[in-house]
C-alpha atoms as a PDB file:
ATOM      1  CA  MET A   1     -34.429   0.581  -4.118  1.00  0.00           C
ATOM      2  CA  GLN A   2     -33.742   0.628  -0.404  1.00  0.00           C
ATOM      3  CA  ILE A   3     -30.288   2.148   0.999  1.00  0.00           C
ATOM      4  CA  ARG A   4     -28.830   1.271   4.341  1.00  0.00           C
ATOM      5  CA  LEU A   5     -25.647   3.044   5.635  1.00  0.00           C
ATOM      6  CA  ARG A   6     -23.134   1.626   8.110  1.00  0.00           C
ATOM      7  CA  GLU A   7     -19.778   2.919   9.668  1.00  0.00           C
ATOM      8  CA  ILE A   8     -17.079   0.274   9.523  1.00  0.00           C
ATOM      9  CA  HIS A   9     -14.007   0.160  11.725  1.00  0.00           C
ATOM     10  CA  LEU A  10     -10.989  -1.441  10.244  1.00  0.00           C
ATOM     11  CA  PRO A  11      -7.911  -1.975  12.522  1.00  0.00           C
ATOM     12  CA  MET A  12      -4.642  -1.779  10.474  1.00  0.00           C
ATOM     13  CA  ARG A  13      -2.374  -4.914  10.414  1.00  0.00           C
ATOM     14  CA  HIS A  14       0.391  -2.285  11.466  1.00  0.00           C
ATOM     15  CA  PRO A  15       0.277   1.521  12.074  1.00  0.00           C
ATOM     16  CA  PHE A  16       0.174   2.910   8.643  1.00  0.00           C
ATOM     17  CA  THR A  17       2.264   5.994   7.996  1.00  0.00           C
ATOM     18  CA  ILE A  18       2.737   8.218   5.108  1.00  0.00           C
ATOM     19  CA  ALA A  19       4.063  11.820   4.824  1.00  0.00           C
ATOM     20  CA  LEU A  20       0.761  13.192   6.112  1.00  0.00           C
ATOM     21  CA  GLY A  21       0.411  11.214   9.195  1.00  0.00           C
ATOM     22  CA  THR A  22      -0.371   7.880  10.766  1.00  0.00           C
ATOM     23  CA  THR A  23      -3.662   5.569  10.807  1.00  0.00           C
ATOM     24  CA  THR A  24      -4.248   2.706  13.219  1.00  0.00           C
ATOM     25  CA  VAL A  25      -7.890   2.212  12.664  1.00  0.00           C
ATOM     26  CA  GLN A  26      -9.603   3.092   9.623  1.00  0.00           C
ATOM     27  CA  HIS A  27     -13.344   4.242   9.661  1.00  0.00           C
ATOM     28  CA  ASN A  28     -14.998   3.743   6.387  1.00  0.00           C
ATOM     29  CA  LEU A  29     -18.718   4.032   5.050  1.00  0.00           C
ATOM     30  CA  LEU A  30     -20.382   0.781   3.834  1.00  0.00           C
ATOM     31  CA  VAL A  31     -23.470   1.332   1.491  1.00  0.00           C
ATOM     32  CA  GLU A  32     -25.953  -1.352   0.919  1.00  0.00           C
ATOM     33  CA  LEU A  33     -28.360  -0.948  -1.775  1.00  0.00           C
ATOM     34  CA  GLU A  34     -31.435  -3.455  -2.107  1.00  0.00           C
ATOM     35  CA  GLN A  35     -33.753  -4.120  -5.177  1.00  0.00           C
ATOM     36  CA  ASP A  36     -35.790  -7.211  -5.626  1.00  0.00           C
ATOM     37  CA  GLY A  37     -34.183  -9.003  -2.593  1.00  0.00           C
ATOM     38  CA  VAL A  38     -30.737  -8.502  -4.103  1.00  0.00           C
ATOM     39  CA  ILE A  39     -28.005  -6.363  -2.142  1.00  0.00           C
ATOM     40  CA  GLY A  40     -25.042  -4.622  -3.732  1.00  0.00           C
ATOM     41  CA  TYR A  41     -22.314  -3.251  -1.613  1.00  0.00           C
ATOM     42  CA  GLY A  42     -20.090  -0.183  -1.811  1.00  0.00           C
ATOM     43  CA  GLU A  43     -17.466   1.416   0.368  1.00  0.00           C
ATOM     44  CA  ALA A  44     -15.861   4.776   0.760  1.00  0.00           C
ATOM     45  CA  ALA A  45     -12.564   5.428   2.712  1.00  0.00           C
ATOM     46  CA  PRO A  46     -11.817   8.963   4.211  1.00  0.00           C
ATOM     47  CA  GLY A  47      -8.025   9.914   4.099  1.00  0.00           C
ATOM     48  CA  LEU A  48      -5.434  11.823   5.835  1.00  0.00           C
ATOM     49  CA  ALA A  49      -5.462  14.581   3.006  1.00  0.00           C
ATOM     50  CA  TYR A  50      -9.136  15.007   2.805  1.00  0.00           C
ATOM     51  CA  THR A  51     -10.190  15.704   6.404  1.00  0.00           C
ATOM     52  CA  GLU A  52     -13.537  17.224   5.311  1.00  0.00           C
ATOM     53  CA  PHE A  53     -14.738  14.065   3.951  1.00  0.00           C
ATOM     54  CA  THR A  54     -15.721  11.910   7.164  1.00  0.00           C
ATOM     55  CA  VAL A  55     -18.126   9.040   7.607  1.00  0.00           C
ATOM     56  CA  GLU A  56     -20.400  11.479   9.034  1.00  0.00           C
ATOM     57  CA  SER A  57     -20.220  13.913   6.175  1.00  0.00           C
ATOM     58  CA  MET A  58     -20.778  11.155   3.762  1.00  0.00           C
ATOM     59  CA  VAL A  59     -23.710   9.951   5.842  1.00  0.00           C
ATOM     60  CA  LYS A  60     -25.414  13.441   5.855  1.00  0.00           C
ATOM     61  CA  ALA A  61     -24.972  13.672   2.277  1.00  0.00           C
ATOM     62  CA  LEU A  62     -26.547  10.511   1.285  1.00  0.00           C
ATOM     63  CA  GLU A  63     -29.469  10.871   3.918  1.00  0.00           C
ATOM     64  CA  ALA A  64     -30.239  14.278   2.180  1.00  0.00           C
ATOM     65  CA  VAL A  65     -30.997  12.244  -1.125  1.00  0.00           C
ATOM     66  CA  ARG A  66     -32.208   9.234   0.499  1.00  0.00           C
ATOM     67  CA  PRO A  67     -35.951   9.815  -0.924  1.00  0.00           C
ATOM     68  CA  GLN A  68     -34.456  10.171  -4.426  1.00  0.00           C
ATOM     69  CA  ILE A  69     -32.563   6.929  -4.103  1.00  0.00           C
ATOM     70  CA  GLU A  70     -35.409   5.100  -2.625  1.00  0.00           C
ATOM     71  CA  ALA A  71     -37.856   6.218  -5.192  1.00  0.00           C
ATOM     72  CA  ALA A  72     -35.531   4.961  -8.051  1.00  0.00           C
ATOM     73  CA  THR A  73     -35.248   1.714  -9.800  1.00  0.00           C
ATOM     74  CA  LEU A  74     -31.843   0.803 -10.816  1.00  0.00           C
ATOM     75  CA  THR A  75     -31.404   0.439 -14.595  1.00  0.00           C
ATOM     76  CA  THR A  76     -27.583   1.144 -14.956  1.00  0.00           C
ATOM     77  CA  PRO A  77     -25.216   2.544 -12.468  1.00  0.00           C
ATOM     78  CA  PRO A  78     -24.107   5.594 -14.830  1.00  0.00           C
ATOM     79  CA  GLU A  79     -27.711   6.584 -15.273  1.00  0.00           C
ATOM     80  CA  LEU A  80     -28.100   6.705 -11.158  1.00  0.00           C
ATOM     81  CA  TRP A  81     -24.702   8.414 -11.008  1.00  0.00           C
ATOM     82  CA  GLU A  82     -25.723  11.225 -13.511  1.00  0.00           C
ATOM     83  CA  LYS A  83     -28.953  11.529 -11.604  1.00  0.00           C
ATOM     84  CA  MET A  84     -27.257  12.057  -8.223  1.00  0.00           C
ATOM     85  CA  LEU A  85     -24.417  14.226  -9.336  1.00  0.00           C
ATOM     86  CA  PRO A  86     -26.206  17.622  -8.792  1.00  0.00           C
ATOM     87  CA  SER A  87     -26.866  16.524  -5.091  1.00  0.00           C
ATOM     88  CA  LEU A  88     -23.639  14.670  -4.235  1.00  0.00           C
ATOM     89  CA  GLY A  89     -20.895  16.307  -6.584  1.00  0.00           C
ATOM     90  CA  HIS A  90     -19.836  18.261  -3.611  1.00  0.00           C
ATOM     91  CA  ASN A  91     -19.187  14.867  -1.753  1.00  0.00           C
ATOM     92  CA  ARG A  92     -17.496  12.601  -4.252  1.00  0.00           C
ATOM     93  CA  PHE A  93     -16.717  10.121  -1.430  1.00  0.00           C
ATOM     94  CA  ALA A  94     -20.302   9.502  -0.762  1.00  0.00           C
ATOM     95  CA  LEU A  95     -21.106   9.427  -4.431  1.00  0.00           C
ATOM     96  CA  CYS A  96     -18.382   6.734  -4.747  1.00  0.00           C
ATOM     97  CA  ALA A  97     -19.819   4.549  -2.002  1.00  0.00           C
ATOM     98  CA  LEU A  98     -23.351   4.745  -3.801  1.00  0.00           C
ATOM     99  CA  ASP A  99     -21.850   4.185  -7.121  1.00  0.00           C
ATOM    100  CA  LEU A 100     -19.926   1.005  -6.023  1.00  0.00           C
ATOM    101  CA  ALA A 101     -22.966  -0.498  -4.386  1.00  0.00           C
ATOM    102  CA  ALA A 102     -25.049   0.281  -7.651  1.00  0.00           C
ATOM    103  CA  HIS A 103     -22.565  -1.631  -9.950  1.00  0.00           C
ATOM    104  CA  ASP A 104     -22.379  -4.528  -7.345  1.00  0.00           C
ATOM    105  CA  LEU A 105     -26.342  -4.423  -7.230  1.00  0.00           C
ATOM    106  CA  TRP A 106     -26.321  -4.136 -11.061  1.00  0.00           C
ATOM    107  CA  GLY A 107     -24.187  -7.139 -11.811  1.00  0.00           C
ATOM    108  CA  LYS A 108     -25.971  -9.220  -9.458  1.00  0.00           C
ATOM    109  CA  LEU A 109     -29.210  -8.413 -10.901  1.00  0.00           C
ATOM    110  CA  GLN A 110     -28.059  -8.999 -14.553  1.00  0.00           C
ATOM    111  CA  GLY A 111     -26.365 -12.361 -13.343  1.00  0.00           C
ATOM    112  CA  ALA A 112     -22.854 -11.474 -14.367  1.00  0.00           C
ATOM    113  CA  PRO A 113     -19.697  -9.923 -13.083  1.00  0.00           C
ATOM    114  CA  VAL A 114     -19.337  -6.164 -13.976  1.00  0.00           C
ATOM    115  CA  TRP A 115     -16.108  -6.771 -15.969  1.00  0.00           C
ATOM    116  CA  LYS A 116     -17.995  -9.147 -18.284  1.00  0.00           C
ATOM    117  CA  LEU A 117     -20.971  -6.785 -18.533  1.00  0.00           C
ATOM    118  CA  TRP A 118     -18.495  -4.316 -19.633  1.00  0.00           C
ATOM    119  CA  GLY A 119     -17.167  -6.533 -22.191  1.00  0.00           C
ATOM    120  CA  LEU A 120     -13.546  -6.813 -20.726  1.00  0.00           C
ATOM    121  CA  ASP A 121     -11.519  -9.835 -20.545  1.00  0.00           C
ATOM    122  CA  ILE A 122      -9.594 -10.600 -17.188  1.00  0.00           C
ATOM    123  CA  SER A 123      -7.186 -13.441 -18.610  1.00  0.00           C
ATOM    124  CA  LYS A 124      -4.256 -10.779 -18.597  1.00  0.00           C
ATOM    125  CA  VAL A 125      -4.255  -8.166 -15.856  1.00  0.00           C
ATOM    126  CA  PRO A 126      -1.609  -6.280 -14.032  1.00  0.00           C
ATOM    127  CA  ASP A 127      -0.253  -7.484 -10.706  1.00  0.00           C
ATOM    128  CA  SER A 128      -0.786  -5.124  -7.506  1.00  0.00           C
ATOM    129  CA  ASP A 129       1.966  -3.815  -5.334  1.00  0.00           C
ATOM    130  CA  TYR A 130       2.188  -4.154  -1.655  1.00  0.00           C
ATOM    131  CA  THR A 131       2.723  -0.760   0.216  1.00  0.00           C
ATOM    132  CA  ILE A 132       5.365  -0.300   3.039  1.00  0.00           C
ATOM    133  CA  GLY A 133       4.414   2.541   5.050  1.00  0.00           C
ATOM    134  CA  ILE A 134       6.914   4.863   6.661  1.00  0.00           C
ATOM    135  CA  ASP A 135       8.792   3.658   9.708  1.00  0.00           C
ATOM    136  CA  ALA A 136      12.207   2.825  11.274  1.00  0.00           C
ATOM    137  CA  ILE A 137      14.322   1.246   8.342  1.00  0.00           C
ATOM    138  CA  GLU A 138      14.475  -2.053  10.198  1.00  0.00           C
ATOM    139  CA  THR A 139      10.602  -2.135  10.606  1.00  0.00           C
ATOM    140  CA  MET A 140      10.173  -1.458   7.088  1.00  0.00           C
ATOM    141  CA  VAL A 141      12.319  -4.231   6.045  1.00  0.00           C
ATOM    142  CA  ALA A 142      10.511  -6.549   8.376  1.00  0.00           C
ATOM    143  CA  LYS A 143       7.119  -5.285   6.771  1.00  0.00           C
ATOM    144  CA  MET A 144       8.393  -6.281   3.440  1.00  0.00           C
ATOM    145  CA  LYS A 145       9.636  -9.607   4.665  1.00  0.00           C
ATOM    146  CA  GLU A 146       6.126 -10.279   6.170  1.00  0.00           C
ATOM    147  CA  PHE A 147       4.929 -10.434   2.491  1.00  0.00           C
ATOM    148  CA  ASP A 148       7.906 -11.784   0.852  1.00  0.00           C
ATOM    149  CA  GLY A 149       7.579 -12.882  -2.737  1.00  0.00           C
ATOM    150  CA  TRP A 150       5.338  -9.981  -4.078  1.00  0.00           C
ATOM    151  CA  PRO A 151       6.714  -8.860  -7.560  1.00  0.00           C
ATOM    152  CA  ILE A 152       6.179  -5.159  -6.575  1.00  0.00           C
ATOM    153  CA  TYR A 153       6.373  -2.993  -3.538  1.00  0.00           C
ATOM    154  CA  LYS A 154       5.108   0.458  -3.029  1.00  0.00           C
ATOM    155  CA  ILE A 155       7.336   2.377  -0.733  1.00  0.00           C
ATOM    156  CA  LYS A 156       5.958   5.424   1.217  1.00  0.00           C
ATOM    157  CA  LEU A 157       8.647   8.237   1.524  1.00  0.00           C
ATOM    158  CA  GLY A 158       8.846  11.761   2.895  1.00  0.00           C
ATOM    159  CA  THR A 159      11.608  11.421   5.751  1.00  0.00           C
ATOM    160  CA  SER A 160      14.912  12.698   6.099  1.00  0.00           C
ATOM    161  CA  ASP A 161      16.539   9.376   5.177  1.00  0.00           C
ATOM    162  CA  ASP A 162      14.431   8.489   1.966  1.00  0.00           C
ATOM    163  CA  LEU A 163      17.260   7.154  -0.020  1.00  0.00           C
ATOM    164  CA  ALA A 164      18.807   5.117   2.696  1.00  0.00           C
ATOM    165  CA  ILE A 165      15.378   3.528   3.178  1.00  0.00           C
ATOM    166  CA  VAL A 166      15.318   2.381  -0.518  1.00  0.00           C
ATOM    167  CA  ARG A 167      18.890   1.149  -0.367  1.00  0.00           C
ATOM    168  CA  ALA A 168      18.210  -0.836   2.873  1.00  0.00           C
ATOM    169  CA  LEU A 169      15.066  -2.546   1.024  1.00  0.00           C
ATOM    170  CA  ARG A 170      16.725  -3.179  -2.089  1.00  0.00           C
ATOM    171  CA  ARG A 171      19.195  -5.531  -0.232  1.00  0.00           C
ATOM    172  CA  HIS A 172      16.471  -7.999   0.587  1.00  0.00           C
ATOM    173  CA  THR A 173      14.470  -8.192  -2.820  1.00  0.00           C
ATOM    174  CA  ASP A 174      14.842  -8.282  -6.410  1.00  0.00           C
ATOM    175  CA  ALA A 175      11.146  -6.911  -6.854  1.00  0.00           C
ATOM    176  CA  ILE A 176      10.023  -3.724  -8.698  1.00  0.00           C
ATOM    177  CA  PHE A 177       9.809  -0.696  -6.577  1.00  0.00           C
ATOM    178  CA  ARG A 178       7.462   2.309  -6.762  1.00  0.00           C
ATOM    179  CA  ILE A 179       8.006   5.386  -4.628  1.00  0.00           C
ATOM    180  CA  ASP A 180       5.107   7.347  -3.218  1.00  0.00           C
ATOM    181  CA  ALA A 181       6.265  10.704  -1.678  1.00  0.00           C
ATOM    182  CA  ASN A 182       2.754  11.982  -0.944  1.00  0.00           C
ATOM    183  CA  THR A 183       3.574  15.532  -1.831  1.00  0.00           C
ATOM    184  CA  SER A 184       6.690  15.754   0.586  1.00  0.00           C
ATOM    185  CA  TRP A 185       9.421  16.669  -1.852  1.00  0.00           C
ATOM    186  CA  THR A 186      10.546  19.627  -3.701  1.00  0.00           C
ATOM    187  CA  PRO A 187      11.409  19.753  -7.447  1.00  0.00           C
ATOM    188  CA  GLU A 188      15.026  19.814  -6.531  1.00  0.00           C
ATOM    189  CA  GLN A 189      14.898  16.740  -4.440  1.00  0.00           C
ATOM    190  CA  THR A 190      12.852  14.682  -6.880  1.00  0.00           C
ATOM    191  CA  ILE A 191      15.246  15.551  -9.839  1.00  0.00           C
ATOM    192  CA  ALA A 192      18.411  14.661  -7.719  1.00  0.00           C
ATOM    193  CA  TYR A 193      16.954  11.752  -6.038  1.00  0.00           C
ATOM    194  CA  ALA A 194      15.658  10.067  -9.254  1.00  0.00           C
ATOM    195  CA  PRO A 195      19.006   8.890 -10.993  1.00  0.00           C
ATOM    196  CA  GLU A 196      19.924   6.696  -7.763  1.00  0.00           C
ATOM    197  CA  LEU A 197      16.327   5.636  -7.399  1.00  0.00           C
ATOM    198  CA  LYS A 198      16.421   4.363 -11.036  1.00  0.00           C
ATOM    199  CA  GLU A 199      19.561   2.324 -10.323  1.00  0.00           C
ATOM    200  CA  LEU A 200      17.963   0.974  -7.286  1.00  0.00           C
ATOM    201  CA  GLY A 201      15.116  -0.529  -9.471  1.00  0.00           C
ATOM    202  CA  VAL A 202      12.300   2.172  -8.932  1.00  0.00           C
ATOM    203  CA  GLU A 203       9.764   2.102 -11.735  1.00  0.00           C
ATOM    204  CA  PHE A 204       8.213   5.411 -11.213  1.00  0.00           C
ATOM    205  CA  ILE A 205       7.606   8.217  -8.546  1.00  0.00           C
ATOM    206  CA  GLU A 206       4.029   9.075  -7.327  1.00  0.00           C
ATOM    207  CA  GLN A 207       3.148  12.588  -6.524  1.00  0.00           C
ATOM    208  CA  PRO A 208       6.341  14.045  -5.274  1.00  0.00           C
ATOM    209  CA  LEU A 209       5.313  17.637  -5.177  1.00  0.00           C
ATOM    210  CA  LEU A 210       2.136  19.582  -3.578  1.00  0.00           C
ATOM    211  CA  ARG A 211      -1.053  19.069  -5.527  1.00  0.00           C
ATOM    212  CA  ASP A 212      -1.043  22.658  -6.939  1.00  0.00           C
ATOM    213  CA  ASN A 213       2.613  23.082  -7.698  1.00  0.00           C
ATOM    214  CA  TRP A 214       2.008  22.860 -11.573  1.00  0.00           C
ATOM    215  CA  GLU A 215       5.048  24.696 -12.463  1.00  0.00           C
ATOM    216  CA  GLY A 216       7.305  22.696 -10.323  1.00  0.00           C
ATOM    217  CA  MET A 217       5.816  19.365 -11.935  1.00  0.00           C
ATOM    218  CA  ARG A 218       6.470  20.661 -15.407  1.00  0.00           C
ATOM    219  CA  ARG A 219      10.040  20.948 -14.630  1.00  0.00           C
ATOM    220  CA  VAL A 220      10.188  17.685 -12.950  1.00  0.00           C
ATOM    221  CA  ARG A 221       8.475  15.826 -15.941  1.00  0.00           C
ATOM    222  CA  ALA A 222      10.966  17.592 -18.104  1.00  0.00           C
ATOM    223  CA  GLU A 223      14.021  16.793 -16.115  1.00  0.00           C
ATOM    224  CA  CYS A 224      13.389  13.731 -13.995  1.00  0.00           C
ATOM    225  CA  VAL A 225      14.846  10.436 -15.303  1.00  0.00           C
ATOM    226  CA  LEU A 226      11.915   8.656 -13.883  1.00  0.00           C
ATOM    227  CA  PRO A 227       8.154   8.968 -14.896  1.00  0.00           C
ATOM    228  CA  VAL A 228       5.888  10.528 -12.422  1.00  0.00           C
ATOM    229  CA  ILE A 229       2.538   9.751 -11.540  1.00  0.00           C
ATOM    230  CA  ALA A 230      -0.246  12.293 -10.486  1.00  0.00           C
ATOM    231  CA  ASP A 231      -2.094  11.341  -7.319  1.00  0.00           C
ATOM    232  CA  GLU A 232      -3.266  14.244  -5.002  1.00  0.00           C
ATOM    233  CA  SER A 233      -3.037  16.364  -8.300  1.00  0.00           C
ATOM    234  CA  CYS A 234      -5.669  14.407 -10.223  1.00  0.00           C
ATOM    235  CA  LEU A 235      -8.876  13.792  -8.124  1.00  0.00           C
ATOM    236  CA  THR A 236     -11.753  14.054 -10.708  1.00  0.00           C
ATOM    237  CA  GLU A 237     -12.162  14.070 -14.609  1.00  0.00           C
ATOM    238  CA  GLU A 238     -11.624  17.856 -14.663  1.00  0.00           C
ATOM    239  CA  ASP A 239      -8.048  17.403 -13.352  1.00  0.00           C
ATOM    240  CA  VAL A 240      -6.874  14.846 -16.114  1.00  0.00           C
ATOM    241  CA  GLU A 241      -6.278  17.528 -18.810  1.00  0.00           C
ATOM    242  CA  ARG A 242      -4.158  19.655 -16.631  1.00  0.00           C
ATOM    243  CA  CYS A 243      -1.907  16.833 -15.795  1.00  0.00           C
ATOM    244  CA  ALA A 244      -1.029  15.890 -19.201  1.00  0.00           C
ATOM    245  CA  GLY A 245       1.626  18.200 -19.475  1.00  0.00           C
ATOM    246  CA  CYS A 246       3.096  17.795 -15.871  1.00  0.00           C
ATOM    247  CA  PHE A 247       2.927  14.052 -15.377  1.00  0.00           C
ATOM    248  CA  HIS A 248       3.258  10.721 -17.311  1.00  0.00           C
ATOM    249  CA  GLY A 249       0.339   9.236 -15.817  1.00  0.00           C
ATOM    250  CA  ILE A 250      -2.380   9.362 -13.194  1.00  0.00           C
ATOM    251  CA  ASN A 251      -3.314   7.167 -10.240  1.00  0.00           C
ATOM    252  CA  ILE A 252      -7.268   7.239  -9.915  1.00  0.00           C
ATOM    253  CA  LYS A 253      -8.730   6.743  -6.588  1.00  0.00           C
ATOM    254  CA  LEU A 254     -12.281   5.712  -6.913  1.00  0.00           C
ATOM    255  CA  THR A 255     -13.317   7.142  -3.556  1.00  0.00           C
ATOM    256  CA  LYS A 256     -11.892  10.661  -4.593  1.00  0.00           C
ATOM    257  CA  ALA A 257     -13.406  10.550  -8.101  1.00  0.00           C
ATOM    258  CA  GLY A 258     -16.718   9.409  -7.441  1.00  0.00           C
ATOM    259  CA  GLY A 259     -16.956   5.662  -7.941  1.00  0.00           C
ATOM    260  CA  LEU A 260     -16.669   3.270 -10.981  1.00  0.00           C
ATOM    261  CA  THR A 261     -18.386   5.534 -13.187  1.00  0.00           C
ATOM    262  CA  ALA A 262     -16.236   8.486 -12.647  1.00  0.00           C
ATOM    263  CA  GLY A 263     -13.188   6.022 -12.864  1.00  0.00           C
ATOM    264  CA  ARG A 264     -14.026   4.969 -16.281  1.00  0.00           C
ATOM    265  CA  ARG A 265     -14.526   8.426 -17.500  1.00  0.00           C
ATOM    266  CA  MET A 266     -11.111   9.399 -16.157  1.00  0.00           C
ATOM    267  CA  ILE A 267      -9.469   6.465 -18.004  1.00  0.00           C
ATOM    268  CA  ASP A 268     -11.133   7.429 -21.248  1.00  0.00           C
ATOM    269  CA  ALA A 269      -9.826  11.166 -20.579  1.00  0.00           C
ATOM    270  CA  ALA A 270      -6.231   9.889 -19.865  1.00  0.00           C
ATOM    271  CA  ARG A 271      -6.158   7.803 -22.821  1.00  0.00           C
ATOM    272  CA  LYS A 272      -7.095  10.677 -25.078  1.00  0.00           C
ATOM    273  CA  HIS A 273      -4.173  12.676 -23.604  1.00  0.00           C
ATOM    274  CA  GLY A 274      -1.600   9.946 -23.846  1.00  0.00           C
ATOM    275  CA  LEU A 275      -1.281   9.292 -20.225  1.00  0.00           C
ATOM    276  CA  GLN A 276      -0.709   6.050 -18.366  1.00  0.00           C
ATOM    277  CA  VAL A 277      -3.178   4.808 -16.028  1.00  0.00           C
ATOM    278  CA  MET A 278      -3.128   3.590 -12.600  1.00  0.00           C
ATOM    279  CA  VAL A 279      -5.920   2.852 -10.044  1.00  0.00           C
ATOM    280  CA  GLY A 280      -4.965   2.907  -6.400  1.00  0.00           C
ATOM    281  CA  CYS A 281      -6.811   2.296  -3.033  1.00  0.00           C
ATOM    282  CA  MET A 282      -7.391   3.655   0.226  1.00  0.00           C
ATOM    283  CA  SER A 283      -7.369   1.735   3.412  1.00  0.00           C
ATOM    284  CA  GLU A 284     -10.404  -0.488   2.717  1.00  0.00           C
ATOM    285  CA  SER A 285     -12.118  -3.745   2.953  1.00  0.00           C
ATOM    286  CA  SER A 286     -12.520  -6.183  -0.057  1.00  0.00           C
ATOM    287  CA  VAL A 287     -15.869  -4.053  -0.810  1.00  0.00           C
ATOM    288  CA  GLY A 288     -13.841  -1.448  -2.291  1.00  0.00           C
ATOM    289  CA  ILE A 289     -10.957  -3.577  -3.665  1.00  0.00           C
ATOM    290  CA  SER A 290     -13.125  -5.735  -5.373  1.00  0.00           C
ATOM    291  CA  ALA A 291     -14.618  -2.775  -7.310  1.00  0.00           C
ATOM    292  CA  ILE A 292     -11.241  -1.669  -8.290  1.00  0.00           C
ATOM    293  CA  ALA A 293     -10.487  -5.252  -9.709  1.00  0.00           C
ATOM    294  CA  GLN A 294     -13.465  -4.693 -12.337  1.00  0.00           C
ATOM    295  CA  LEU A 295     -11.193  -1.974 -14.053  1.00  0.00           C
ATOM    296  CA  LEU A 296      -8.047  -4.070 -14.245  1.00  0.00           C
ATOM    297  CA  PRO A 297      -8.012  -4.980 -18.013  1.00  0.00           C
ATOM    298  CA  LEU A 298      -8.009  -1.196 -18.637  1.00  0.00           C
ATOM    299  CA  LEU A 299      -5.014  -0.482 -16.407  1.00  0.00           C
ATOM    300  CA  ASP A 300      -1.285  -0.086 -16.796  1.00  0.00           C
ATOM    301  CA  TYR A 301      -0.495  -0.375 -13.156  1.00  0.00           C
ATOM    302  CA  VAL A 302      -2.654  -1.124  -9.938  1.00  0.00           C
ATOM    303  CA  ASP A 303      -2.446  -0.598  -6.222  1.00  0.00           C
ATOM    304  CA  MET A 304      -5.008  -2.671  -4.660  1.00  0.00           C
ATOM    305  CA  ASP A 305      -3.605  -3.859  -1.291  1.00  0.00           C
ATOM    306  CA  GLY A 306      -6.049  -2.160   1.030  1.00  0.00           C
ATOM    307  CA  ALA A 307      -7.531  -5.260   2.204  1.00  0.00           C
ATOM    308  CA  VAL A 308      -4.102  -6.755   2.914  1.00  0.00           C
ATOM    309  CA  LEU A 309      -3.260  -3.821   5.061  1.00  0.00           C
ATOM    310  CA  ILE A 310      -6.043  -4.096   7.528  1.00  0.00           C
ATOM    311  CA  ALA A 311      -5.980  -6.573  10.359  1.00  0.00           C
ATOM    312  CA  GLN A 312      -9.516  -8.325   9.592  1.00  0.00           C
ATOM    313  CA  ASP A 313     -11.638  -8.222   6.435  1.00  0.00           C
ATOM    314  CA  ILE A 314     -15.583  -7.761   6.579  1.00  0.00           C
ATOM    315  CA  ALA A 315     -16.030  -9.189   3.084  1.00  0.00           C
ATOM    316  CA  ALA A 316     -15.071 -11.735   0.455  1.00  0.00           C
ATOM    317  CA  GLY A 317     -14.304 -10.796  -3.116  1.00  0.00           C
ATOM    318  CA  VAL A 318     -11.285 -10.345  -5.386  1.00  0.00           C
ATOM    319  CA  ARG A 319      -8.445 -11.304  -3.350  1.00  0.00           C
ATOM    320  CA  LEU A 320      -4.592 -11.139  -3.951  1.00  0.00           C
ATOM    321  CA  GLU A 321      -2.040 -13.998  -3.949  1.00  0.00           C
ATOM    322  CA  LYS A 322       1.402 -12.331  -3.810  1.00  0.00           C
ATOM    323  CA  GLY A 323       0.105  -9.461  -5.849  1.00  0.00           C
ATOM    324  CA  LYS A 324      -1.717 -11.618  -8.450  1.00  0.00           C
ATOM    325  CA  PRO A 325      -5.751 -10.767  -8.622  1.00  0.00           C
ATOM    326  CA  ILE A 326      -7.738 -13.800  -8.176  1.00  0.00           C
ATOM    327  CA  PHE A 327     -11.676 -13.409  -9.079  1.00  0.00           C
ATOM    328  CA  PRO A 328     -14.310 -15.313  -7.388  1.00  0.00           C
ATOM    329  CA  ASN A 329     -17.017 -17.176  -9.052  1.00  0.00           C
ATOM    330  CA  GLU A 330     -19.598 -14.251  -8.169  1.00  0.00           C
ATOM    331  CA  ASN A 331     -21.687 -11.744  -9.967  1.00  0.00           C
ATOM    332  CA  GLY A 332     -21.636  -8.161  -9.676  1.00  0.00           C
ATOM    333  CA  ASN A 333     -18.245  -6.827  -8.065  1.00  0.00           C
ATOM    334  CA  GLY A 334     -17.861 -10.241  -6.424  1.00  0.00           C
ATOM    335  CA  VAL A 335     -18.709  -9.065  -3.054  1.00  0.00           C
ATOM    336  CA  GLN A 336     -20.170 -11.238  -0.134  1.00  0.00           C
ATOM    337  CA  LEU A 337     -19.966 -10.051   3.282  1.00  0.00           C
ATOM    338  CA  LEU A 338     -18.346 -12.455   5.760  1.00  0.00           C
ATOM    339  CA  PRO A 339     -20.568 -14.162   8.222  1.00  0.00           C
ATOM    340  CA  GLY A 340     -20.292 -12.393  11.654  1.00  0.00           C
ATOM    341  CA  ALA A 341     -18.610  -9.333  10.084  1.00  0.00           C
ATOM    342  CA  PHE A 342     -20.295  -6.991  12.396  1.00  0.00           C
ATOM    343  CA  ALA A 343     -21.030  -9.395  15.381  1.00  0.00           C
END
């Protein structure tokens, strides 16, 4: 195989604010793997909560194993993942970009979509939400109206007016709401807010507490009237078992986990522990989003609106029509770079 690495710059459609900060331009890593004249694409997206994982650190990690990658012939992505784990386990973001590219390449070489090679059926899959970042209340309402008609909205919270935000948004839609506090609440706040949030049509609360506050999460799980879903508390397969007594479900981010191979392992582990499963996205292009889509038949919930949140995509692939995933007639993850994407 040959490997090529490229930093991509993705301006956001609007400044995207969560409890941890604001992003106006997302800087991601694009990995291209080529074998027998066929190219697979993968992506990884650094996040505000994981400042040690930058494009530069991912490139450094992958360059260190370039000789191993280029000496290998792709047979199956899990085989490559296992081979690279000892060298890339310290940087799951880099491992993710490589693994997504390997899956896309594998499917293209096999002449079928990845979901089909896994024996899955995409005739019935969950709809995605659309995420509304923190802003002035009137701006958050305007952002929701810009994408009117979606069945589900994910609302980022972590302000002094969190309940007022949800009340205001509810006046403009009958859609399902999901709340993501990004570790900004206390156990007391979470338990106190939940009854009104439930009345306001909220489906669940994602990661209300700091990622290591396990005692607090056990209390929240026992006393909160809404389900709670782990995000920052569940990064890799090793975290799943610990989440079982503290959350009702987990939100898997492929970038943090180490790719599709790791994501499937986490799904299996979650099911063994009776946890619901969601896969979420970072701010990323259709390269990363299309990889997430391969898992859709295995999921209870999905948040794959990353390519909608950016101003201009670099690729075509699985897309969303008001939250409904639309699969292209393409092999692999369904990814094709757009002409002039890097002009």
